């Protein structure tokens, strides 16, 4: 019944964490510099019956991180 924010969710460890947290019952907010709606990780999470919301953010860009945080808060 929780929501988890998973960075690097498009592939590798991030994707694995997103899928594992979804299996454990969490909805997922997936973040990656190139994550698009309808991604493979989104399909995997929704196939588990959990909600997935995709965001794009380049964490090497401070302005992008601030904008992402503001968007997350606004989307609440």
PDB file of N, CA and C in Angstrom:
ATOM      1  N   UNK A   1       0.798  -1.209   0.000  1.00  0.00           N
ATOM      2  CA  UNK A   1       0.000   0.000   0.000  1.00  0.00           C
ATOM      3  C   UNK A   1       0.836   1.266   0.000  1.00  0.00           C
ATOM      4  N   UNK A   2       2.110   1.174  -0.270  1.00  0.00           N
ATOM      5  CA  UNK A   2       3.013   2.331  -0.291  1.00  0.00           C
ATOM      6  C   UNK A   2       3.329   2.708  -1.726  1.00  0.00           C
ATOM      7  N   UNK A   3       3.930   3.873  -1.896  1.00  0.00           N
ATOM      8  CA  UNK A   3       4.450   4.304  -3.188  1.00  0.00           C
ATOM      9  C   UNK A   3       5.948   4.479  -3.054  1.00  0.00           C
ATOM     10  N   UNK A   4       6.691   3.894  -3.990  1.00  0.00           N
ATOM     11  CA  UNK A   4       8.155   3.970  -3.967  1.00  0.00           C
ATOM     12  C   UNK A   4       8.636   4.790  -5.158  1.00  0.00           C
ATOM     13  N   UNK A   5       9.565   5.706  -4.903  1.00  0.00           N
ATOM     14  CA  UNK A   5      10.236   6.444  -5.970  1.00  0.00           C
ATOM     15  C   UNK A   5      11.522   5.691  -6.274  1.00  0.00           C
ATOM     16  N   UNK A   6      11.666   5.255  -7.530  1.00  0.00           N
ATOM     17  CA  UNK A   6      12.825   4.458  -7.929  1.00  0.00           C
ATOM     18  C   UNK A   6      13.575   5.213  -9.023  1.00  0.00           C
ATOM     19  N   UNK A   7      14.792   5.620  -8.711  1.00  0.00           N
ATOM     20  CA  UNK A   7      15.617   6.297  -9.716  1.00  0.00           C
ATOM     21  C   UNK A   7      16.354   5.248 -10.547  1.00  0.00           C
ATOM     22  N   UNK A   8      16.645   5.607 -11.783  1.00  0.00           N
ATOM     23  CA  UNK A   8      17.304   4.663 -12.678  1.00  0.00           C
ATOM     24  C   UNK A   8      16.412   3.480 -13.005  1.00  0.00           C
ATOM     25  N   UNK A   9      15.104   3.712 -13.036  1.00  0.00           N
ATOM     26  CA  UNK A   9      14.132   2.624 -13.158  1.00  0.00           C
ATOM     27  C   UNK A   9      14.065   1.995 -14.542  1.00  0.00           C
ATOM     28  N   UNK A  10      14.701   2.601 -15.521  1.00  0.00           N
ATOM     29  CA  UNK A  10      14.585   2.085 -16.889  1.00  0.00           C
ATOM     30  C   UNK A  10      15.300   0.753 -17.089  1.00  0.00           C
ATOM     31  N   UNK A  11      16.405   0.531 -16.364  1.00  0.00           N
ATOM     32  CA  UNK A  11      17.171  -0.694 -16.593  1.00  0.00           C
ATOM     33  C   UNK A  11      18.013  -1.037 -15.362  1.00  0.00           C
ATOM     34  N   UNK A  12      18.639  -2.186 -15.422  1.00  0.00           N
ATOM     35  CA  UNK A  12      19.583  -2.592 -14.380  1.00  0.00           C
ATOM     36  C   UNK A  12      18.984  -2.726 -12.998  1.00  0.00           C
ATOM     37  N   UNK A  13      19.758  -2.287 -12.010  1.00  0.00           N
ATOM     38  CA  UNK A  13      19.346  -2.409 -10.608  1.00  0.00           C
ATOM     39  C   UNK A  13      18.063  -1.623 -10.351  1.00  0.00           C
ATOM     40  N   UNK A  14      17.942  -0.433 -10.938  1.00  0.00           N
ATOM     41  CA  UNK A  14      16.729   0.362 -10.742  1.00  0.00           C
ATOM     42  C   UNK A  14      15.488  -0.360 -11.219  1.00  0.00           C
ATOM     43  N   UNK A  15      15.578  -0.953 -12.398  1.00  0.00           N
ATOM     44  CA  UNK A  15      14.427  -1.712 -12.913  1.00  0.00           C
ATOM     45  C   UNK A  15      14.126  -2.897 -12.003  1.00  0.00           C
ATOM     46  N   UNK A  16      15.168  -3.602 -11.575  1.00  0.00           N
ATOM     47  CA  UNK A  16      14.972  -4.722 -10.668  1.00  0.00           C
ATOM     48  C   UNK A  16      14.304  -4.301  -9.372  1.00  0.00           C
ATOM     49  N   UNK A  17      14.712  -3.154  -8.848  1.00  0.00           N
ATOM     50  CA  UNK A  17      14.101  -2.638  -7.610  1.00  0.00           C
ATOM     51  C   UNK A  17      12.638  -2.271  -7.839  1.00  0.00           C
ATOM     52  N   UNK A  18      12.351  -1.640  -8.981  1.00  0.00           N
ATOM     53  CA  UNK A  18      10.967  -1.255  -9.288  1.00  0.00           C
ATOM     54  C   UNK A  18      10.080  -2.500  -9.337  1.00  0.00           C
ATOM     55  N   UNK A  19      10.553  -3.526 -10.005  1.00  0.00           N
ATOM     56  CA  UNK A  19       9.764  -4.751 -10.118  1.00  0.00           C
ATOM     57  C   UNK A  19       9.619  -5.451  -8.763  1.00  0.00           C
ATOM     58  N   UNK A  20      10.686  -5.499  -7.985  1.00  0.00           N
ATOM     59  CA  UNK A  20      10.626  -6.155  -6.677  1.00  0.00           C
ATOM     60  C   UNK A  20       9.697  -5.407  -5.728  1.00  0.00           C
ATOM     61  N   UNK A  21       9.768  -4.088  -5.737  1.00  0.00           N
ATOM     62  CA  UNK A  21       8.885  -3.304  -4.870  1.00  0.00           C
ATOM     63  C   UNK A  21       7.425  -3.453  -5.299  1.00  0.00           C
ATOM     64  N   UNK A  22       7.184  -3.550  -6.603  1.00  0.00           N
ATOM     65  CA  UNK A  22       5.824  -3.784  -7.090  1.00  0.00           C
ATOM     66  C   UNK A  22       5.328  -5.156  -6.643  1.00  0.00           C
ATOM     67  N   UNK A  23       6.200  -6.161  -6.709  1.00  0.00           N
ATOM     68  CA  UNK A  23       5.828  -7.505  -6.239  1.00  0.00           C
ATOM     69  C   UNK A  23       5.487  -7.485  -4.753  1.00  0.00           C
ATOM     70  N   UNK A  24       6.140  -6.596  -4.016  1.00  0.00           N
ATOM     71  CA  UNK A  24       5.887  -6.478  -2.576  1.00  0.00           C
ATOM     72  C   UNK A  24       4.657  -5.628  -2.277  1.00  0.00           C
ATOM     73  N   UNK A  25       4.017  -5.074  -3.318  1.00  0.00           N
ATOM     74  CA  UNK A  25       2.764  -4.354  -3.125  1.00  0.00           C
ATOM     75  C   UNK A  25       2.827  -2.852  -3.265  1.00  0.00           C
ATOM     76  N   UNK A  26       3.959  -2.310  -3.687  1.00  0.00           N
ATOM     77  CA  UNK A  26       4.085  -0.852  -3.810  1.00  0.00           C
ATOM     78  C   UNK A  26       3.735  -0.385  -5.219  1.00  0.00           C
ATOM     79  N   UNK A  27       3.107   0.790  -5.295  1.00  0.00           N
ATOM     80  CA  UNK A  27       2.996   1.488  -6.565  1.00  0.00           C
ATOM     81  C   UNK A  27       4.348   2.138  -6.817  1.00  0.00           C
ATOM     82  N   UNK A  28       4.676   2.368  -8.090  1.00  0.00           N
ATOM     83  CA  UNK A  28       6.021   2.827  -8.432  1.00  0.00           C
ATOM     84  C   UNK A  28       5.989   4.155  -9.165  1.00  0.00           C
ATOM     85  N   UNK A  29       6.835   5.072  -8.706  1.00  0.00           N
ATOM     86  CA  UNK A  29       7.159   6.289  -9.439  1.00  0.00           C
ATOM     87  C   UNK A  29       8.551   6.028  -9.994  1.00  0.00           C
ATOM     88  N   UNK A  30       8.627   5.814 -11.301  1.00  0.00           N
ATOM     89  CA  UNK A  30       9.895   5.489 -11.940  1.00  0.00           C
ATOM     90  C   UNK A  30      10.523   6.738 -12.542  1.00  0.00           C
ATOM     91  N   UNK A  31      11.822   6.899 -12.326  1.00  0.00           N
ATOM     92  CA  UNK A  31      12.536   8.080 -12.811  1.00  0.00           C
ATOM     93  C   UNK A  31      13.797   7.641 -13.543  1.00  0.00           C
ATOM     94  N   UNK A  32      14.021   8.238 -14.699  1.00  0.00           N
ATOM     95  CA  UNK A  32      15.228   8.007 -15.470  1.00  0.00           C
ATOM     96  C   UNK A  32      15.361   9.158 -16.448  1.00  0.00           C
ATOM     97  N   UNK A  33      16.561   9.394 -16.918  1.00  0.00           N
ATOM     98  CA  UNK A  33      16.771  10.495 -17.859  1.00  0.00           C
ATOM     99  C   UNK A  33      16.016  10.283 -19.162  1.00  0.00           C
ATOM    100  N   UNK A  34      15.760   9.028 -19.524  1.00  0.00           N
ATOM    101  CA  UNK A  34      15.115   8.739 -20.805  1.00  0.00           C
ATOM    102  C   UNK A  34      13.884   7.855 -20.667  1.00  0.00           C
ATOM    103  N   UNK A  35      13.278   7.802 -19.504  1.00  0.00           N
ATOM    104  CA  UNK A  35      12.113   6.943 -19.287  1.00  0.00           C
ATOM    105  C   UNK A  35      10.884   7.547 -19.943  1.00  0.00           C
ATOM    106  N   UNK A  36      10.215   6.755 -20.751  1.00  0.00           N
ATOM    107  CA  UNK A  36       9.016   7.214 -21.444  1.00  0.00           C
ATOM    108  C   UNK A  36       7.814   6.379 -21.013  1.00  0.00           C
ATOM    109  N   UNK A  37       6.621   6.962 -21.067  1.00  0.00           N
ATOM    110  CA  UNK A  37       5.423   6.175 -20.769  1.00  0.00           C
ATOM    111  C   UNK A  37       5.342   4.955 -21.691  1.00  0.00           C
ATOM    112  N   UNK A  38       4.876   3.844 -21.143  1.00  0.00           N
ATOM    113  CA  UNK A  38       4.755   2.612 -21.909  1.00  0.00           C
ATOM    114  C   UNK A  38       6.022   1.778 -21.960  1.00  0.00           C
ATOM    115  N   UNK A  39       7.011   2.139 -21.158  1.00  0.00           N
ATOM    116  CA  UNK A  39       8.299   1.434 -21.149  1.00  0.00           C
ATOM    117  C   UNK A  39       8.124  -0.012 -20.681  1.00  0.00           C
ATOM    118  N   UNK A  40       9.159  -0.811 -20.888  1.00  0.00           N
ATOM    119  CA  UNK A  40       9.128  -2.208 -20.450  1.00  0.00           C
ATOM    120  C   UNK A  40       8.955  -2.321 -18.942  1.00  0.00           C
ATOM    121  N   UNK A  41       9.591  -1.439 -18.191  1.00  0.00           N
ATOM    122  CA  UNK A  41       9.452  -1.505 -16.734  1.00  0.00           C
ATOM    123  C   UNK A  41       8.015  -1.154 -16.334  1.00  0.00           C
ATOM    124  N   UNK A  42       7.412  -0.196 -17.001  1.00  0.00           N
ATOM    125  CA  UNK A  42       6.010   0.131 -16.715  1.00  0.00           C
ATOM    126  C   UNK A  42       5.120  -1.075 -17.003  1.00  0.00           C
ATOM    127  N   UNK A  43       5.351  -1.742 -18.111  1.00  0.00           N
ATOM    128  CA  UNK A  43       4.559  -2.916 -18.462  1.00  0.00           C
ATOM    129  C   UNK A  43       4.713  -4.017 -17.412  1.00  0.00           C
ATOM    130  N   UNK A  44       5.942  -4.212 -16.935  1.00  0.00           N
ATOM    131  CA  UNK A  44       6.190  -5.243 -15.921  1.00  0.00           C
ATOM    132  C   UNK A  44       5.485  -4.915 -14.611  1.00  0.00           C
ATOM    133  N   UNK A  45       5.544  -3.650 -14.209  1.00  0.00           N
ATOM    134  CA  UNK A  45       4.921  -3.233 -12.944  1.00  0.00           C
ATOM    135  C   UNK A  45       3.404  -3.331 -13.041  1.00  0.00           C
ATOM    136  N   UNK A  46       2.833  -2.852 -14.126  1.00  0.00           N
ATOM    137  CA  UNK A  46       1.375  -2.901 -14.256  1.00  0.00           C
ATOM    138  C   UNK A  46       0.874  -4.337 -14.422  1.00  0.00           C
ATOM    139  N   UNK A  47       1.697  -5.216 -15.001  1.00  0.00           N
ATOM    140  CA  UNK A  47       1.322  -6.631 -15.094  1.00  0.00           C
ATOM    141  C   UNK A  47       1.206  -7.264 -13.709  1.00  0.00           C
ATOM    142  N   UNK A  48       1.884  -6.675 -12.734  1.00  0.00           N
ATOM    143  CA  UNK A  48       1.798  -7.143 -11.347  1.00  0.00           C
ATOM    144  C   UNK A  48       0.610  -6.518 -10.613  1.00  0.00           C
ATOM    145  N   UNK A  49      -0.166  -5.706 -11.329  1.00  0.00           N
ATOM    146  CA  UNK A  49      -1.347  -5.090 -10.721  1.00  0.00           C
ATOM    147  C   UNK A  49      -1.061  -3.818  -9.957  1.00  0.00           C
ATOM    148  N   UNK A  50       0.098  -3.229 -10.156  1.00  0.00           N
ATOM    149  CA  UNK A  50       0.470  -2.010  -9.438  1.00  0.00           C
ATOM    150  C   UNK A  50       0.466  -0.818 -10.397  1.00  0.00           C
ATOM    151  N   UNK A  51       0.338   0.358  -9.853  1.00  0.00           N
ATOM    152  CA  UNK A  51       0.349   1.596 -10.629  1.00  0.00           C
ATOM    153  C   UNK A  51       1.792   2.024 -10.895  1.00  0.00           C
ATOM    154  N   UNK A  52       2.043   2.553 -12.098  1.00  0.00           N
ATOM    155  CA  UNK A  52       3.365   3.043 -12.454  1.00  0.00           C
ATOM    156  C   UNK A  52       3.220   4.437 -13.048  1.00  0.00           C
ATOM    157  N   UNK A  53       4.024   5.365 -12.550  1.00  0.00           N
ATOM    158  CA  UNK A  53       4.073   6.724 -13.085  1.00  0.00           C
ATOM    159  C   UNK A  53       5.500   7.003 -13.505  1.00  0.00           C
ATOM    160  N   UNK A  54       5.673   7.439 -14.752  1.00  0.00           N
ATOM    161  CA  UNK A  54       7.009   7.680 -15.304  1.00  0.00           C
ATOM    162  C   UNK A  54       7.353   9.164 -15.288  1.00  0.00           C
ATOM    163  N   UNK A  55       8.577   9.465 -14.907  1.00  0.00           N
ATOM    164  CA  UNK A  55       9.127  10.820 -14.963  1.00  0.00           C
ATOM    165  C   UNK A  55      10.503  10.759 -15.608  1.00  0.00           C
ATOM    166  N   UNK A  56      10.830  11.818 -16.315  1.00  0.00           N
ATOM    167  CA  UNK A  56      12.181  11.959 -16.847  1.00  0.00           C
ATOM    168  C   UNK A  56      12.914  13.012 -16.024  1.00  0.00           C
ATOM    169  N   UNK A  57      14.136  12.692 -15.634  1.00  0.00           N
ATOM    170  CA  UNK A  57      14.964  13.648 -14.904  1.00  0.00           C
ATOM    171  C   UNK A  57      16.433  13.250 -15.057  1.00  0.00           C
ATOM    172  N   UNK A  58      17.242  14.221 -15.397  1.00  0.00           N
ATOM    173  CA  UNK A  58      18.690  14.030 -15.463  1.00  0.00           C
ATOM    174  C   UNK A  58      19.251  14.509 -14.127  1.00  0.00           C
ATOM    175  N   UNK A  59      19.652  13.576 -13.276  1.00  0.00           N
ATOM    176  CA  UNK A  59      20.095  13.929 -11.931  1.00  0.00           C
ATOM    177  C   UNK A  59      21.440  14.640 -11.892  1.00  0.00           C
ATOM    178  N   UNK A  60      22.103  14.774 -13.020  1.00  0.00           N
ATOM    179  CA  UNK A  60      23.338  15.558 -13.055  1.00  0.00           C
ATOM    180  C   UNK A  60      23.056  17.048 -13.269  1.00  0.00           C
ATOM    181  N   UNK A  61      21.792  17.394 -13.478  1.00  0.00           N
ATOM    182  CA  UNK A  61      21.362  18.776 -13.721  1.00  0.00           C
ATOM    183  C   UNK A  61      20.556  19.255 -12.520  1.00  0.00           C
ATOM    184  N   UNK A  62      21.145  20.138 -11.719  1.00  0.00           N
ATOM    185  CA  UNK A  62      20.495  20.586 -10.480  1.00  0.00           C
ATOM    186  C   UNK A  62      19.136  21.221 -10.724  1.00  0.00           C
ATOM    187  N   UNK A  63      19.020  22.001 -11.788  1.00  0.00           N
ATOM    188  CA  UNK A  63      17.740  22.639 -12.105  1.00  0.00           C
ATOM    189  C   UNK A  63      16.686  21.577 -12.447  1.00  0.00           C
ATOM    190  N   UNK A  64      17.109  20.544 -13.160  1.00  0.00           N
ATOM    191  CA  UNK A  64      16.179  19.466 -13.504  1.00  0.00           C
ATOM    192  C   UNK A  64      15.718  18.717 -12.251  1.00  0.00           C
ATOM    193  N   UNK A  65      16.612  18.516 -11.312  1.00  0.00           N
ATOM    194  CA  UNK A  65      16.255  17.835 -10.057  1.00  0.00           C
ATOM    195  C   UNK A  65      15.258  18.680  -9.264  1.00  0.00           C
ATOM    196  N   UNK A  66      15.495  19.979  -9.188  1.00  0.00           N
ATOM    197  CA  UNK A  66      14.564  20.860  -8.482  1.00  0.00           C
ATOM    198  C   UNK A  66      13.196  20.855  -9.154  1.00  0.00           C
ATOM    199  N   UNK A  67      13.187  20.897 -10.480  1.00  0.00           N
ATOM    200  CA  UNK A  67      11.930  20.869 -11.216  1.00  0.00           C
ATOM    201  C   UNK A  67      11.201  19.546 -11.015  1.00  0.00           C
ATOM    202  N   UNK A  68      11.959  18.444 -10.985  1.00  0.00           N
ATOM    203  CA  UNK A  68      11.373  17.129 -10.746  1.00  0.00           C
ATOM    204  C   UNK A  68      10.741  17.067  -9.359  1.00  0.00           C
ATOM    205  N   UNK A  69      11.460  17.542  -8.357  1.00  0.00           N
ATOM    206  CA  UNK A  69      10.931  17.533  -6.985  1.00  0.00           C
ATOM    207  C   UNK A  69       9.660  18.364  -6.886  1.00  0.00           C
ATOM    208  N   UNK A  70       9.645  19.516  -7.532  1.00  0.00           N
ATOM    209  CA  UNK A  70       8.444  20.366  -7.517  1.00  0.00           C
ATOM    210  C   UNK A  70       7.285  19.656  -8.220  1.00  0.00           C
ATOM    211  N   UNK A  71       7.577  18.977  -9.315  1.00  0.00           N
ATOM    212  CA  UNK A  71       6.520  18.253 -10.053  1.00  0.00           C
ATOM    213  C   UNK A  71       5.961  17.105  -9.231  1.00  0.00           C
ATOM    214  N   UNK A  72       6.852  16.378  -8.543  1.00  0.00           N
ATOM    215  CA  UNK A  72       6.405  15.295  -7.684  1.00  0.00           C
ATOM    216  C   UNK A  72       5.473  15.821  -6.588  1.00  0.00           C
ATOM    217  N   UNK A  73       5.862  16.910  -5.990  1.00  0.00           N
ATOM    218  CA  UNK A  73       5.049  17.501  -4.931  1.00  0.00           C
ATOM    219  C   UNK A  73       3.707  17.961  -5.474  1.00  0.00           C
ATOM    220  N   UNK A  74       3.719  18.588  -6.645  1.00  0.00           N
ATOM    221  CA  UNK A  74       2.474  19.083  -7.261  1.00  0.00           C
ATOM    222  C   UNK A  74       1.549  17.915  -7.629  1.00  0.00           C
ATOM    223  N   UNK A  75       2.126  16.811  -8.080  1.00  0.00           N
ATOM    224  CA  UNK A  75       1.326  15.660  -8.493  1.00  0.00           C
ATOM    225  C   UNK A  75       0.799  14.869  -7.296  1.00  0.00           C
ATOM    226  N   UNK A  76       1.462  15.099  -6.142  1.00  0.00           N
ATOM    227  CA  UNK A  76       1.113  14.564  -4.852  1.00  0.00           C
ATOM    228  C   UNK A  76       0.489  13.273  -4.776  1.00  0.00           C
TER     229      UNK A  76
END
